[in-house]
PDB file of N, CA and C in Angstrom:
ATOM      1  N   MET A   1       0.870  -1.162  -0.013  1.00  0.00           N
ATOM      2  CA  MET A   1      -0.057  -0.024   0.075  1.00  0.00           C
ATOM      3  C   MET A   1       0.903   1.257   0.050  1.00  0.00           C
ATOM      4  N   GLU A   2       0.625   2.128  -0.832  1.00  0.00           N
ATOM      5  CA  GLU A   2       1.245   3.420  -0.865  1.00  0.00           C
ATOM      6  C   GLU A   2       0.325   4.556  -0.521  1.00  0.00           C
ATOM      7  N   THR A   3       0.870   5.470   0.198  1.00  0.00           N
ATOM      8  CA  THR A   3      -0.048   6.678   0.560  1.00  0.00           C
ATOM      9  C   THR A   3       0.533   7.914  -0.059  1.00  0.00           C
ATOM     10  N   PHE A   4      -0.441   8.795  -0.483  1.00  0.00           N
ATOM     11  CA  PHE A   4      -0.182   9.976  -1.348  1.00  0.00           C
ATOM     12  C   PHE A   4      -0.857  11.098  -0.678  1.00  0.00           C
ATOM     13  N   LYS A   5      -0.227  12.369  -0.651  1.00  0.00           N
ATOM     14  CA  LYS A   5      -0.980  13.581  -0.237  1.00  0.00           C
ATOM     15  C   LYS A   5      -1.773  14.191  -1.442  1.00  0.00           C
ATOM     16  N   VAL A   6      -2.873  14.403  -1.340  1.00  0.00           N
ATOM     17  CA  VAL A   6      -3.706  14.965  -2.466  1.00  0.00           C
ATOM     18  C   VAL A   6      -4.281  16.370  -1.931  1.00  0.00           C
ATOM     19  N   LYS A   7      -4.049  17.495  -2.803  1.00  0.00           N
ATOM     20  CA  LYS A   7      -4.449  18.841  -2.374  1.00  0.00           C
ATOM     21  C   LYS A   7      -5.750  19.143  -3.145  1.00  0.00           C
ATOM     22  N   GLY A   8      -6.679  19.924  -2.649  1.00  0.00           N
ATOM     23  CA  GLY A   8      -7.841  20.311  -3.408  1.00  0.00           C
ATOM     24  C   GLY A   8      -9.099  19.683  -2.997  1.00  0.00           C
ATOM     25  N   MET A   9      -9.014  18.592  -2.252  1.00  0.00           N
ATOM     26  CA  MET A   9     -10.311  17.789  -1.733  1.00  0.00           C
ATOM     27  C   MET A   9     -10.820  18.501  -0.593  1.00  0.00           C
ATOM     28  N   SER A  10     -12.277  18.738  -0.824  1.00  0.00           N
ATOM     29  CA  SER A  10     -12.900  19.427   0.494  1.00  0.00           C
ATOM     30  C   SER A  10     -14.154  18.689   0.826  1.00  0.00           C
ATOM     31  N   CYS A  11     -14.670  17.841   0.056  1.00  0.00           N
ATOM     32  CA  CYS A  11     -16.060  17.227   0.409  1.00  0.00           C
ATOM     33  C   CYS A  11     -16.128  15.844  -0.084  1.00  0.00           C
ATOM     34  N   GLY A  12     -17.363  15.205   0.305  1.00  0.00           N
ATOM     35  CA  GLY A  12     -17.414  13.989  -0.028  1.00  0.00           C
ATOM     36  C   GLY A  12     -17.502  13.493  -1.507  1.00  0.00           C
ATOM     37  N   HIS A  13     -17.924  14.500  -2.421  1.00  0.00           N
ATOM     38  CA  HIS A  13     -17.881  14.335  -3.883  1.00  0.00           C
ATOM     39  C   HIS A  13     -16.331  14.217  -4.250  1.00  0.00           C
ATOM     40  N   CYS A  14     -15.582  15.081  -3.704  1.00  0.00           N
ATOM     41  CA  CYS A  14     -13.975  14.874  -3.940  1.00  0.00           C
ATOM     42  C   CYS A  14     -13.575  13.578  -3.757  1.00  0.00           C
ATOM     43  N   VAL A  15     -13.933  13.037  -2.515  1.00  0.00           N
ATOM     44  CA  VAL A  15     -13.525  11.616  -2.081  1.00  0.00           C
ATOM     45  C   VAL A  15     -13.955  10.652  -3.200  1.00  0.00           C
ATOM     46  N   LYS A  16     -15.181  10.730  -3.586  1.00  0.00           N
ATOM     47  CA  LYS A  16     -15.729   9.826  -4.702  1.00  0.00           C
ATOM     48  C   LYS A  16     -14.881   9.913  -6.032  1.00  0.00           C
ATOM     49  N   ALA A  17     -14.736  11.140  -6.335  1.00  0.00           N
ATOM     50  CA  ALA A  17     -13.974  11.385  -7.689  1.00  0.00           C
ATOM     51  C   ALA A  17     -12.656  11.025  -7.588  1.00  0.00           C
ATOM     52  N   VAL A  18     -11.817  11.013  -6.615  1.00  0.00           N
ATOM     53  CA  VAL A  18     -10.569  10.507  -6.403  1.00  0.00           C
ATOM     54  C   VAL A  18     -10.567   8.881  -6.341  1.00  0.00           C
ATOM     55  N   GLU A  19     -11.441   8.412  -5.626  1.00  0.00           N
ATOM     56  CA  GLU A  19     -11.661   6.911  -5.603  1.00  0.00           C
ATOM     57  C   GLU A  19     -11.782   6.352  -6.870  1.00  0.00           C
ATOM     58  N   LYS A  20     -12.834   6.989  -7.598  1.00  0.00           N
ATOM     59  CA  LYS A  20     -13.176   6.556  -8.998  1.00  0.00           C
ATOM     60  C   LYS A  20     -12.035   6.514 -10.000  1.00  0.00           C
ATOM     61  N   ALA A  21     -11.400   7.675  -9.886  1.00  0.00           N
ATOM     62  CA  ALA A  21     -10.248   7.837 -10.887  1.00  0.00           C
ATOM     63  C   ALA A  21      -9.182   6.898 -10.674  1.00  0.00           C
ATOM     64  N   LEU A  22      -8.727   6.812  -9.310  1.00  0.00           N
ATOM     65  CA  LEU A  22      -7.719   5.692  -9.068  1.00  0.00           C
ATOM     66  C   LEU A  22      -8.169   4.336  -9.129  1.00  0.00           C
ATOM     67  N   GLY A  23      -9.388   4.139  -8.913  1.00  0.00           N
ATOM     68  CA  GLY A  23      -9.857   2.753  -9.089  1.00  0.00           C
ATOM     69  C   GLY A  23      -9.749   2.149 -10.500  1.00  0.00           C
ATOM     70  N   GLU A  24      -9.713   3.165 -11.380  1.00  0.00           N
ATOM     71  CA  GLU A  24      -9.700   2.831 -12.810  1.00  0.00           C
ATOM     72  C   GLU A  24      -8.204   2.255 -13.209  1.00  0.00           C
ATOM     73  N   ILE A  25      -7.311   2.542 -12.561  1.00  0.00           N
ATOM     74  CA  ILE A  25      -6.041   2.113 -12.880  1.00  0.00           C
ATOM     75  C   ILE A  25      -5.901   0.495 -12.897  1.00  0.00           C
ATOM     76  N   PRO A  26      -5.493  -0.066 -13.979  1.00  0.00           N
ATOM     77  CA  PRO A  26      -5.133  -1.564 -13.836  1.00  0.00           C
ATOM     78  C   PRO A  26      -4.222  -1.799 -12.635  1.00  0.00           C
ATOM     79  N   GLY A  27      -4.798  -2.818 -12.061  1.00  0.00           N
ATOM     80  CA  GLY A  27      -3.842  -3.460 -10.817  1.00  0.00           C
ATOM     81  C   GLY A  27      -4.243  -2.905  -9.538  1.00  0.00           C
ATOM     82  N   VAL A  28      -4.865  -1.750  -9.460  1.00  0.00           N
ATOM     83  CA  VAL A  28      -5.224  -1.032  -8.262  1.00  0.00           C
ATOM     84  C   VAL A  28      -6.617  -1.897  -7.585  1.00  0.00           C
ATOM     85  N   THR A  29      -6.307  -2.264  -6.516  1.00  0.00           N
ATOM     86  CA  THR A  29      -7.378  -3.290  -5.757  1.00  0.00           C
ATOM     87  C   THR A  29      -8.119  -2.637  -4.687  1.00  0.00           C
ATOM     88  N   GLY A  30      -7.642  -1.425  -4.325  1.00  0.00           N
ATOM     89  CA  GLY A  30      -8.324  -0.567  -3.184  1.00  0.00           C
ATOM     90  C   GLY A  30      -7.976   0.679  -3.118  1.00  0.00           C
ATOM     91  N   VAL A  31      -8.724   1.739  -2.833  1.00  0.00           N
ATOM     92  CA  VAL A  31      -8.394   3.126  -2.615  1.00  0.00           C
ATOM     93  C   VAL A  31      -9.054   3.568  -1.319  1.00  0.00           C
ATOM     94  N   ARG A  32      -8.432   4.213  -0.459  1.00  0.00           N
ATOM     95  CA  ARG A  32      -8.922   4.604   0.754  1.00  0.00           C
ATOM     96  C   ARG A  32      -8.500   6.330   0.839  1.00  0.00           C
ATOM     97  N   VAL A  33      -9.505   7.117   1.017  1.00  0.00           N
ATOM     98  CA  VAL A  33      -9.266   8.625   1.124  1.00  0.00           C
ATOM     99  C   VAL A  33      -9.632   9.113   2.534  1.00  0.00           C
ATOM    100  N   ASP A  34      -8.622   9.718   3.055  1.00  0.00           N
ATOM    101  CA  ASP A  34      -8.916  10.447   4.423  1.00  0.00           C
ATOM    102  C   ASP A  34      -8.966  11.947   4.130  1.00  0.00           C
ATOM    103  N   LEU A  35     -10.318  12.372   4.065  1.00  0.00           N
ATOM    104  CA  LEU A  35     -10.488  13.774   3.760  1.00  0.00           C
ATOM    105  C   LEU A  35      -9.828  14.711   4.690  1.00  0.00           C
ATOM    106  N   ALA A  36      -9.945  14.400   5.905  1.00  0.00           N
ATOM    107  CA  ALA A  36      -9.339  15.335   7.020  1.00  0.00           C
ATOM    108  C   ALA A  36      -7.835  15.569   6.806  1.00  0.00           C
ATOM    109  N   SER A  37      -7.202  14.633   6.498  1.00  0.00           N
ATOM    110  CA  SER A  37      -5.640  14.624   6.348  1.00  0.00           C
ATOM    111  C   SER A  37      -5.244  14.831   4.862  1.00  0.00           C
ATOM    112  N   GLY A  38      -6.076  14.696   3.959  1.00  0.00           N
ATOM    113  CA  GLY A  38      -5.848  14.827   2.533  1.00  0.00           C
ATOM    114  C   GLY A  38      -4.990  13.612   2.014  1.00  0.00           C
ATOM    115  N   GLN A  39      -4.977  12.596   2.797  1.00  0.00           N
ATOM    116  CA  GLN A  39      -4.259  11.415   2.234  1.00  0.00           C
ATOM    117  C   GLN A  39      -4.994  10.358   1.573  1.00  0.00           C
ATOM    118  N   VAL A  40      -4.386   9.849   0.434  1.00  0.00           N
ATOM    119  CA  VAL A  40      -5.030   8.704  -0.088  1.00  0.00           C
ATOM    120  C   VAL A  40      -4.033   7.633  -0.187  1.00  0.00           C
ATOM    121  N   SER A  41      -4.539   6.454   0.202  1.00  0.00           N
ATOM    122  CA  SER A  41      -3.889   5.226   0.266  1.00  0.00           C
ATOM    123  C   SER A  41      -4.328   4.288  -0.911  1.00  0.00           C
ATOM    124  N   VAL A  42      -3.425   3.946  -1.697  1.00  0.00           N
ATOM    125  CA  VAL A  42      -3.598   3.045  -2.736  1.00  0.00           C
ATOM    126  C   VAL A  42      -3.162   1.588  -2.737  1.00  0.00           C
ATOM    127  N   GLU A  43      -4.001   0.554  -2.808  1.00  0.00           N
ATOM    128  CA  GLU A  43      -3.503  -0.741  -2.609  1.00  0.00           C
ATOM    129  C   GLU A  43      -3.481  -1.461  -4.050  1.00  0.00           C
ATOM    130  N   ALA A  44      -2.487  -2.220  -4.419  1.00  0.00           N
ATOM    131  CA  ALA A  44      -2.445  -2.651  -5.790  1.00  0.00           C
ATOM    132  C   ALA A  44      -1.882  -4.024  -5.661  1.00  0.00           C
ATOM    133  N   SER A  45      -2.222  -4.721  -6.760  1.00  0.00           N
ATOM    134  CA  SER A  45      -1.716  -6.268  -6.791  1.00  0.00           C
ATOM    135  C   SER A  45      -0.321  -6.200  -7.429  1.00  0.00           C
ATOM    136  N   GLY A  46       0.293  -5.126  -7.725  1.00  0.00           N
ATOM    137  CA  GLY A  46       1.641  -4.906  -8.313  1.00  0.00           C
ATOM    138  C   GLY A  46       2.163  -3.514  -8.351  1.00  0.00           C
ATOM    139  N   PRO A  47       3.256  -3.227  -8.899  1.00  0.00           N
ATOM    140  CA  PRO A  47       3.679  -1.850  -8.820  1.00  0.00           C
ATOM    141  C   PRO A  47       2.898  -1.058  -9.768  1.00  0.00           C
ATOM    142  N   VAL A  48       2.485   0.157  -9.238  1.00  0.00           N
ATOM    143  CA  VAL A  48       1.709   1.079 -10.130  1.00  0.00           C
ATOM    144  C   VAL A  48       2.661   2.312 -10.336  1.00  0.00           C
ATOM    145  N   ASP A  49       2.780   2.766 -11.519  1.00  0.00           N
ATOM    146  CA  ASP A  49       3.675   3.859 -11.871  1.00  0.00           C
ATOM    147  C   ASP A  49       3.040   5.203 -11.257  1.00  0.00           C
ATOM    148  N   ARG A  50       3.835   5.773 -10.485  1.00  0.00           N
ATOM    149  CA  ARG A  50       3.408   7.086  -9.805  1.00  0.00           C
ATOM    150  C   ARG A  50       2.912   8.121 -10.806  1.00  0.00           C
ATOM    151  N   THR A  51       3.617   8.090 -12.059  1.00  0.00           N
ATOM    152  CA  THR A  51       3.080   9.045 -12.945  1.00  0.00           C
ATOM    153  C   THR A  51       1.504   8.781 -13.489  1.00  0.00           C
ATOM    154  N   VAL A  52       1.336   7.545 -13.496  1.00  0.00           N
ATOM    155  CA  VAL A  52      -0.206   7.210 -13.808  1.00  0.00           C
ATOM    156  C   VAL A  52      -1.120   7.800 -12.718  1.00  0.00           C
ATOM    157  N   ILE A  53      -0.668   7.607 -11.302  1.00  0.00           N
ATOM    158  CA  ILE A  53      -1.509   8.021 -10.351  1.00  0.00           C
ATOM    159  C   ILE A  53      -1.519   9.527 -10.258  1.00  0.00           C
ATOM    160  N   LYS A  54      -0.532  10.174 -10.692  1.00  0.00           N
ATOM    161  CA  LYS A  54      -0.493  11.728 -10.623  1.00  0.00           C
ATOM    162  C   LYS A  54      -1.342  12.264 -11.908  1.00  0.00           C
ATOM    163  N   GLU A  55      -1.344  11.595 -12.938  1.00  0.00           N
ATOM    164  CA  GLU A  55      -2.268  11.862 -14.143  1.00  0.00           C
ATOM    165  C   GLU A  55      -3.682  11.697 -13.738  1.00  0.00           C
ATOM    166  N   LYS A  56      -3.972  10.650 -13.190  1.00  0.00           N
ATOM    167  CA  LYS A  56      -5.370  10.456 -12.756  1.00  0.00           C
ATOM    168  C   LYS A  56      -5.983  11.402 -11.789  1.00  0.00           C
ATOM    169  N   ILE A  57      -5.189  11.657 -10.691  1.00  0.00           N
ATOM    170  CA  ILE A  57      -5.498  12.623  -9.847  1.00  0.00           C
ATOM    171  C   ILE A  57      -5.675  14.144 -10.374  1.00  0.00           C
ATOM    172  N   GLU A  58      -4.762  14.442 -11.367  1.00  0.00           N
ATOM    173  CA  GLU A  58      -4.941  15.753 -12.003  1.00  0.00           C
ATOM    174  C   GLU A  58      -6.084  15.815 -12.925  1.00  0.00           C
ATOM    175  N   LYS A  59      -6.326  14.703 -13.645  1.00  0.00           N
ATOM    176  CA  LYS A  59      -7.498  14.714 -14.530  1.00  0.00           C
ATOM    177  C   LYS A  59      -8.891  14.743 -13.817  1.00  0.00           C
ATOM    178  N   ALA A  60      -8.859  14.341 -12.509  1.00  0.00           N
ATOM    179  CA  ALA A  60     -10.014  14.422 -11.693  1.00  0.00           C
ATOM    180  C   ALA A  60     -10.171  15.889 -11.100  1.00  0.00           C
ATOM    181  N   GLY A  61      -9.089  16.833 -11.257  1.00  0.00           N
ATOM    182  CA  GLY A  61      -9.190  18.054 -10.928  1.00  0.00           C
ATOM    183  C   GLY A  61      -8.430  18.289  -9.468  1.00  0.00           C
ATOM    184  N   TYR A  62      -7.555  17.408  -9.098  1.00  0.00           N
ATOM    185  CA  TYR A  62      -6.876  17.682  -7.907  1.00  0.00           C
ATOM    186  C   TYR A  62      -5.403  17.607  -7.975  1.00  0.00           C
ATOM    187  N   GLU A  63      -4.613  17.868  -7.023  1.00  0.00           N
ATOM    188  CA  GLU A  63      -3.095  17.910  -7.264  1.00  0.00           C
ATOM    189  C   GLU A  63      -2.410  17.026  -6.303  1.00  0.00           C
ATOM    190  N   LEU A  64      -1.519  16.143  -6.691  1.00  0.00           N
ATOM    191  CA  LEU A  64      -0.690  15.336  -6.060  1.00  0.00           C
ATOM    192  C   LEU A  64       0.309  16.391  -5.200  1.00  0.00           C
ATOM    193  N   GLY A  65       0.418  16.176  -3.992  1.00  0.00           N
ATOM    194  CA  GLY A  65       1.196  16.957  -3.128  1.00  0.00           C
ATOM    195  C   GLY A  65       2.129  16.292  -2.246  1.00  0.00           C
TER     196      GLY A  65
END
């Protein structure tokens, strides 16, 4: 499991948008978002390229921080 700081999340809709975006990445088996701390944990069956995670987060309208 890898944890990332995501900037710009402020509500439940933000949480769902990030979960959906990261859940679309092949190999990702779970996504947990902690809105209060701005942290997102990604569980995967194998290595996931950080660039892909960054692109998905930015496409959803947020910033990897």
